[in-house]
Structure formats: C-alpha cells, structure tokens
C-alpha atoms as a PDB file:
ATOM      1  CA  MET A   1     -75.441  90.749  42.215  1.00  0.00           C
ATOM      2  CA  ASN A   2     -76.240  87.139  43.121  1.00  0.00           C
ATOM      3  CA  SER A   3     -77.765  86.164  46.495  1.00  0.00           C
ATOM      4  CA  ALA A   4     -74.455  84.877  47.958  1.00  0.00           C
ATOM      5  CA  THR A   5     -72.732  88.186  47.138  1.00  0.00           C
ATOM      6  CA  PHE A   6     -75.653  90.134  48.559  1.00  0.00           C
ATOM      7  CA  CYS A   7     -75.581  88.110  51.841  1.00  0.00           C
ATOM      8  CA  LEU A   8     -71.826  88.697  52.121  1.00  0.00           C
ATOM      9  CA  PHE A   9     -72.388  92.422  51.494  1.00  0.00           C
ATOM     10  CA  VAL A  10     -75.055  92.570  54.243  1.00  0.00           C
ATOM     11  CA  MET A  11     -72.803  90.724  56.723  1.00  0.00           C
ATOM     12  CA  VAL A  12     -69.850  93.057  56.013  1.00  0.00           C
ATOM     13  CA  PHE A  13     -72.095  96.133  56.218  1.00  0.00           C
ATOM     14  CA  ASN A  14     -73.498  94.970  59.579  1.00  0.00           C
ATOM     15  CA  VAL A  15     -70.034  94.264  60.997  1.00  0.00           C
ATOM     16  CA  LEU A  16     -68.859  97.718  59.922  1.00  0.00           C
ATOM     17  CA  ARG A  17     -71.798  99.451  61.564  1.00  0.00           C
ATOM     18  CA  GLY A  18     -71.437  97.383  64.756  1.00  0.00           C
ATOM     19  CA  THR A  19     -74.417  95.051  64.509  1.00  0.00           C
ATOM     20  CA  SER A  20     -74.655  91.369  63.856  1.00  0.00           C
ATOM     21  CA  THR A  21     -76.848  89.566  61.365  1.00  0.00           C
ATOM     22  CA  TYR A  22     -78.858  88.432  64.412  1.00  0.00           C
ATOM     23  CA  ASP A  23     -79.986  92.056  64.830  1.00  0.00           C
ATOM     24  CA  VAL A  24     -82.098  91.628  61.707  1.00  0.00           C
ATOM     25  CA  LEU A  25     -85.617  90.220  62.154  1.00  0.00           C
ATOM     26  CA  SER A  26     -86.853  87.227  60.206  1.00  0.00           C
ATOM     27  CA  GLN A  27     -89.871  87.636  57.913  1.00  0.00           C
ATOM     28  CA  GLU A  28     -91.913  85.625  60.430  1.00  0.00           C
ATOM     29  CA  ASP A  29     -90.949  87.988  63.249  1.00  0.00           C
ATOM     30  CA  LYS A  30     -91.719  91.036  61.125  1.00  0.00           C
ATOM     31  CA  ALA A  31     -95.169  89.614  60.197  1.00  0.00           C
ATOM     32  CA  PHE A  32     -96.166  89.303  63.871  1.00  0.00           C
ATOM     33  CA  CYS A  33     -96.772  93.051  64.206  1.00  0.00           C
ATOM     34  CA  LYS A  34    -100.132  94.338  63.038  1.00  0.00           C
ATOM     35  CA  GLY A  35    -102.975  96.569  64.079  1.00  0.00           C
ATOM     36  CA  GLY A  36    -101.107  99.755  65.056  1.00  0.00           C
ATOM     37  CA  LEU A  37    -100.168  98.965  68.674  1.00  0.00           C
ATOM     38  CA  GLU A  38     -97.471 101.304  70.055  1.00  0.00           C
ATOM     39  CA  LEU A  39     -95.228 101.118  73.132  1.00  0.00           C
ATOM     40  CA  ARG A  40     -93.412 104.033  74.721  1.00  0.00           C
ATOM     41  CA  TYR A  41     -90.540 103.514  77.135  1.00  0.00           C
ATOM     42  CA  PRO A  42     -88.725 106.613  78.480  1.00  0.00           C
ATOM     43  CA  ASP A  43     -86.184 106.802  75.642  1.00  0.00           C
ATOM     44  CA  LEU A  44     -87.496 104.245  73.158  1.00  0.00           C
ATOM     45  CA  ASP A  45     -90.698 104.164  71.104  1.00  0.00           C
ATOM     46  CA  ILE A  46     -91.716 100.856  69.558  1.00  0.00           C
ATOM     47  CA  ASN A  47     -94.376 100.938  66.852  1.00  0.00           C
ATOM     48  CA  ASP A  48     -93.168  98.079  64.683  1.00  0.00           C
ATOM     49  CA  CYS A  49     -91.409  94.770  65.243  1.00  0.00           C
ATOM     50  CA  MET A  50     -87.798  95.477  66.042  1.00  0.00           C
ATOM     51  CA  VAL A  51     -84.591  94.405  67.735  1.00  0.00           C
ATOM     52  CA  VAL A  52     -83.865  96.648  70.728  1.00  0.00           C
ATOM     53  CA  PRO A  53     -80.629  98.534  70.021  1.00  0.00           C
ATOM     54  CA  LYS A  54     -77.679  97.586  72.270  1.00  0.00           C
ATOM     55  CA  GLU A  55     -77.623 100.972  74.030  1.00  0.00           C
ATOM     56  CA  PHE A  56     -81.163 100.391  75.369  1.00  0.00           C
ATOM     57  CA  ARG A  57     -80.991  96.714  76.408  1.00  0.00           C
ATOM     58  CA  GLU A  58     -79.922  97.288  80.001  1.00  0.00           C
ATOM     59  CA  ARG A  59     -82.419 100.086  80.542  1.00  0.00           C
ATOM     60  CA  ILE A  60     -85.372  98.140  79.115  1.00  0.00           C
ATOM     61  CA  SER A  61     -84.448  95.174  81.335  1.00  0.00           C
ATOM     62  CA  ARG A  62     -83.482  96.874  84.544  1.00  0.00           C
ATOM     63  CA  ASP A  63     -84.328 100.570  84.670  1.00  0.00           C
ATOM     64  CA  TRP A  64     -87.643 101.096  82.934  1.00  0.00           C
ATOM     65  CA  GLY A  65     -91.008  99.997  84.187  1.00  0.00           C
ATOM     66  CA  ALA A  66     -94.057  99.189  82.107  1.00  0.00           C
ATOM     67  CA  PRO A  67     -94.339 101.067  78.851  1.00  0.00           C
ATOM     68  CA  GLU A  68     -97.187 103.358  77.887  1.00  0.00           C
ATOM     69  CA  VAL A  69     -99.354 101.341  75.509  1.00  0.00           C
ATOM     70  CA  GLN A  70    -101.439 103.023  72.838  1.00  0.00           C
ATOM     71  CA  LEU A  71    -103.817 101.905  70.141  1.00  0.00           C
ATOM     72  CA  ALA A  72    -105.121 105.061  68.437  1.00  0.00           C
ATOM     73  CA  SER A  73    -107.878 103.076  66.711  1.00  0.00           C
ATOM     74  CA  ALA A  74    -109.237 101.494  69.923  1.00  0.00           C
ATOM     75  CA  ASP A  75    -113.001 101.719  70.315  1.00  0.00           C
ATOM     76  CA  GLN A  76    -113.457 104.011  73.308  1.00  0.00           C
ATOM     77  CA  LYS A  77    -116.655 102.187  74.307  1.00  0.00           C
ATOM     78  CA  LYS A  78    -114.981  98.751  74.475  1.00  0.00           C
ATOM     79  CA  THR A  79    -112.682  97.010  76.918  1.00  0.00           C
ATOM     80  CA  TYR A  80    -109.581  95.020  76.106  1.00  0.00           C
ATOM     81  CA  VAL A  81    -107.176  92.397  77.380  1.00  0.00           C
ATOM     82  CA  LEU A  82    -103.446  93.160  77.165  1.00  0.00           C
ATOM     83  CA  MET A  83    -100.848  90.449  77.527  1.00  0.00           C
ATOM     84  CA  MET A  84     -97.062  90.411  77.301  1.00  0.00           C
ATOM     85  CA  VAL A  85     -95.375  87.039  76.918  1.00  0.00           C
ATOM     86  CA  ASP A  86     -91.957  85.587  76.139  1.00  0.00           C
ATOM     87  CA  PRO A  87     -92.246  82.444  73.995  1.00  0.00           C
ATOM     88  CA  ASP A  88     -88.464  81.815  74.163  1.00  0.00           C
ATOM     89  CA  VAL A  89     -87.875  80.574  77.711  1.00  0.00           C
ATOM     90  CA  PRO A  90     -85.219  79.547  78.512  1.00  0.00           C
ATOM     91  CA  SER A  91     -84.046  80.096  74.904  1.00  0.00           C
ATOM     92  CA  ARG A  92     -85.482  80.350  71.415  1.00  0.00           C
ATOM     93  CA  THR A  93     -83.748  77.112  70.414  1.00  0.00           C
ATOM     94  CA  SER A  94     -85.104  75.242  73.449  1.00  0.00           C
ATOM     95  CA  PRO A  95     -88.332  76.892  74.681  1.00  0.00           C
ATOM     96  CA  THR A  96     -89.137  74.317  77.377  1.00  0.00           C
ATOM     97  CA  ARG A  97     -90.737  76.934  79.715  1.00  0.00           C
ATOM     98  CA  SER A  98     -92.651  78.760  77.008  1.00  0.00           C
ATOM     99  CA  TYR A  99     -94.712  80.968  77.445  1.00  0.00           C
ATOM    100  CA  TRP A 100     -93.507  83.243  80.256  1.00  0.00           C
ATOM    101  CA  ARG A 101     -96.228  85.673  81.300  1.00  0.00           C
ATOM    102  CA  HIS A 102     -94.671  89.113  81.808  1.00  0.00           C
ATOM    103  CA  TRP A 103     -97.825  91.179  82.062  1.00  0.00           C
ATOM    104  CA  LEU A 104    -101.579  90.563  81.978  1.00  0.00           C
ATOM    105  CA  MET A 105    -104.250  93.224  82.259  1.00  0.00           C
ATOM    106  CA  VAL A 106    -107.993  92.919  81.673  1.00  0.00           C
ATOM    107  CA  ASP A 107    -110.790  95.494  81.689  1.00  0.00           C
ATOM    108  CA  VAL A 108    -108.540  97.949  79.810  1.00  0.00           C
ATOM    109  CA  LYS A 109    -110.712 100.839  78.709  1.00  0.00           C
ATOM    110  CA  GLY A 110    -110.583 101.713  75.021  1.00  0.00           C
ATOM    111  CA  SER A 111    -110.843 105.415  75.822  1.00  0.00           C
ATOM    112  CA  GLY A 112    -107.564 105.267  77.775  1.00  0.00           C
ATOM    113  CA  LEU A 113    -105.904 102.960  75.277  1.00  0.00           C
ATOM    114  CA  ARG A 114    -106.538 105.509  72.514  1.00  0.00           C
ATOM    115  CA  VAL A 115    -104.301 108.040  74.290  1.00  0.00           C
ATOM    116  CA  GLY A 116    -101.741 105.698  75.889  1.00  0.00           C
ATOM    117  CA  ASP A 117    -103.255 105.743  79.383  1.00  0.00           C
ATOM    118  CA  VAL A 118    -103.742 102.043  80.053  1.00  0.00           C
ATOM    119  CA  GLU A 119    -105.646 101.259  83.199  1.00  0.00           C
ATOM    120  CA  GLY A 120    -107.446  98.082  84.078  1.00  0.00           C
ATOM    121  CA  THR A 121    -107.425  95.068  86.374  1.00  0.00           C
ATOM    122  CA  VAL A 122    -103.923  93.660  86.725  1.00  0.00           C
ATOM    123  CA  LEU A 123    -103.831  89.853  86.777  1.00  0.00           C
ATOM    124  CA  SER A 124    -100.010  89.712  86.482  1.00  0.00           C
ATOM    125  CA  GLU A 125     -97.867  92.727  87.423  1.00  0.00           C
ATOM    126  CA  TYR A 126     -95.468  93.942  84.762  1.00  0.00           C
ATOM    127  CA  ALA A 127     -92.120  92.144  84.797  1.00  0.00           C
ATOM    128  CA  GLY A 128     -89.636  93.633  82.361  1.00  0.00           C
ATOM    129  CA  PRO A 129     -87.725  91.632  79.779  1.00  0.00           C
ATOM    130  CA  SER A 130     -85.067  89.547  81.507  1.00  0.00           C
ATOM    131  CA  PRO A 131     -83.426  87.123  79.074  1.00  0.00           C
ATOM    132  CA  PRO A 132     -80.925  84.862  80.855  1.00  0.00           C
ATOM    133  CA  LYS A 133     -77.247  85.406  80.028  1.00  0.00           C
ATOM    134  CA  GLY A 134     -76.146  83.362  77.066  1.00  0.00           C
ATOM    135  CA  SER A 135     -79.691  82.454  75.961  1.00  0.00           C
ATOM    136  CA  GLY A 136     -79.635  84.649  72.860  1.00  0.00           C
ATOM    137  CA  PHE A 137     -82.434  86.846  71.653  1.00  0.00           C
ATOM    138  CA  HIS A 138     -85.903  86.526  73.147  1.00  0.00           C
ATOM    139  CA  ARG A 139     -89.136  87.807  71.631  1.00  0.00           C
ATOM    140  CA  TYR A 140     -91.358  89.878  73.886  1.00  0.00           C
ATOM    141  CA  GLN A 141     -94.857  89.791  72.440  1.00  0.00           C
ATOM    142  CA  PHE A 142     -97.680  92.177  73.240  1.00  0.00           C
ATOM    143  CA  LEU A 143    -101.178  91.011  72.247  1.00  0.00           C
ATOM    144  CA  LEU A 144    -104.354  93.017  72.574  1.00  0.00           C
ATOM    145  CA  TYR A 145    -107.766  91.337  72.519  1.00  0.00           C
ATOM    146  CA  GLU A 146    -111.278  92.714  72.642  1.00  0.00           C
ATOM    147  CA  GLN A 147    -113.056  91.710  75.855  1.00  0.00           C
ATOM    148  CA  ALA A 148    -116.778  91.027  75.923  1.00  0.00           C
ATOM    149  CA  THR A 149    -118.853  93.545  77.921  1.00  0.00           C
ATOM    150  CA  GLY A 150    -119.321  92.465  81.531  1.00  0.00           C
ATOM    151  CA  GLN A 151    -116.977  89.480  81.157  1.00  0.00           C
ATOM    152  CA  ALA A 152    -114.939  88.626  84.282  1.00  0.00           C
ATOM    153  CA  LEU A 153    -111.522  87.181  83.417  1.00  0.00           C
ATOM    154  CA  SER A 154    -109.182  85.593  85.956  1.00  0.00           C
ATOM    155  CA  LEU A 155    -106.243  83.253  86.336  1.00  0.00           C
ATOM    156  CA  SER A 156    -106.628  79.863  87.928  1.00  0.00           C
ATOM    157  CA  GLU A 157    -104.722  79.065  91.165  1.00  0.00           C
ATOM    158  CA  GLN A 158    -102.247  77.041  89.144  1.00  0.00           C
ATOM    159  CA  GLU A 159    -101.698  79.909  86.693  1.00  0.00           C
ATOM    160  CA  GLU A 160    -101.184  82.345  89.562  1.00  0.00           C
ATOM    161  CA  SER A 161     -98.553  80.103  91.162  1.00  0.00           C
ATOM    162  CA  SER A 162     -96.139  80.379  88.216  1.00  0.00           C
ATOM    163  CA  ARG A 163     -95.596  82.673  85.258  1.00  0.00           C
ATOM    164  CA  GLY A 164     -93.741  80.018  83.260  1.00  0.00           C
ATOM    165  CA  ASN A 165     -95.272  77.375  81.012  1.00  0.00           C
ATOM    166  CA  TRP A 166     -98.362  79.527  80.678  1.00  0.00           C
ATOM    167  CA  ASP A 167    -100.672  78.766  77.777  1.00  0.00           C
ATOM    168  CA  PRO A 168    -101.997  82.047  76.345  1.00  0.00           C
ATOM    169  CA  LYS A 169    -103.946  80.137  73.681  1.00  0.00           C
ATOM    170  CA  GLU A 170    -105.804  78.227  76.395  1.00  0.00           C
ATOM    171  CA  PHE A 171    -106.553  81.495  78.213  1.00  0.00           C
ATOM    172  CA  VAL A 172    -107.895  82.982  74.974  1.00  0.00           C
ATOM    173  CA  LYS A 173    -110.002  79.886  74.333  1.00  0.00           C
ATOM    174  CA  LYS A 174    -111.296  79.689  77.915  1.00  0.00           C
ATOM    175  CA  PHE A 175    -112.681  83.230  77.734  1.00  0.00           C
ATOM    176  CA  SER A 176    -113.770  83.042  74.075  1.00  0.00           C
ATOM    177  CA  LEU A 177    -111.488  85.871  73.003  1.00  0.00           C
ATOM    178  CA  ARG A 178    -111.143  86.298  69.242  1.00  0.00           C
ATOM    179  CA  ASP A 179    -107.968  86.900  67.299  1.00  0.00           C
ATOM    180  CA  PRO A 180    -105.912  89.786  68.641  1.00  0.00           C
ATOM    181  CA  VAL A 181    -106.952  93.196  67.349  1.00  0.00           C
ATOM    182  CA  ALA A 182    -103.294  94.247  67.501  1.00  0.00           C
ATOM    183  CA  SER A 183     -99.921  92.670  68.209  1.00  0.00           C
ATOM    184  CA  LEU A 184     -96.374  93.941  68.559  1.00  0.00           C
ATOM    185  CA  GLN A 185     -93.068  92.417  69.538  1.00  0.00           C
ATOM    186  CA  PHE A 186     -89.486  93.371  70.162  1.00  0.00           C
ATOM    187  CA  CYS A 187     -86.408  91.204  70.489  1.00  0.00           C
ATOM    188  CA  THR A 188     -83.647  91.683  73.008  1.00  0.00           C
ATOM    189  CA  GLN A 189     -80.945  89.683  74.717  1.00  0.00           C
ATOM    190  CA  GLN A 190     -78.852  89.956  77.854  1.00  0.00           C
ATOM    191  CA  TYR A 191     -77.360  93.423  77.744  1.00  0.00           C
ATOM    192  CA  LYS A 192     -73.831  92.253  78.631  1.00  0.00           C
ATOM    193  CA  ASP A 193     -72.233  90.405  75.742  1.00  0.00           C
END
C-alpha cells in the first residue's frame, strides 16, 4: 500500500468512526509529553498527549474544575512549579496573544504531587480550557519544574494584570528554573461544532 492509499484509508476510517483527521496529533504534539505527568478530571484521565474526545469537550471547558495532578516519580523532599498555558491564542494559525496563562502554582510539595494531592501557592487561579468558537484546536500544556529550596517566585504587576501574552520562557529564565521535569498536553476545541 503506497502512502497516498494509506492516507485515504485513514481518512475514510476516521470519517466512518466519527472523527476527523484533525483529531490525530502531529508527531511534534506527541513528542511534547514526557516525564510521566498525569491529570485526572472527573471522567477523563490524561497520561499522554491526546485530543479530548468530543463527548468531554463541554465538561472540560465548563463543568470541571482543576484536575488532580500526579507525578509518581516526584521527589517528596523537593518543591515544584506547575504551569498550564495555551500557546494558541486566539488560534493556532495566528497565535498573537500567545501564551495564555491558565494556571500557575509554586511551592508544590513533591510528597503531595506523588499521590495527586497538589497544594502550593497559587499565583494564577485555574481557568479551564476555553477555546473561542471557530478558532480550531488549542493545545493546553502542563509543565512541571523543580523549584530551588527557599526560592520565592512571583509574578510582576504587569504579569498579574493580564493572563495573555505571557512569556513562560522569561518566567523560567528569571527564576533560573531548568528544563521541565515533566510535561503533558491535550488538545480541544469549542465543544459546539
């Protein structure tokens, strides 16, 4: 079977099972997830990069609050920084307000993280995924960083005034955080087609 025939087969298969080819993650999106981070919403567990199934899109956007976050391999003696961002604002094809900060917690204890009981200092309250109608799929990225012992992290006045156009790389650089120890993302779009 040549590649054109295979692509046609995949498209027909997806149409028959009620999904679109956009419900399939790119290799780049799949590669984002590493380190064993897990999310638990009331009826949906996310432990790998995925597209949120249609039947859960409204609930994840409107009904459910912050997920339980677990990293079984977290060092119970360390503290961590957890961030959730949307790099696709207002859309993936035109991300002029990228990154949107959906959640930011610091001083997250490793002992709680190991069992999915995330507590810490909230710098930005959890705001669920809310992709604008017609903007296509958005990626919601969760990044977990190790925080140095005794380090006080905060947002500037300017950062606190708006969640949009936030620069997570600058935040990481400002507080000398290293590469994330774990990362996870899911994709979703407006729940009404």
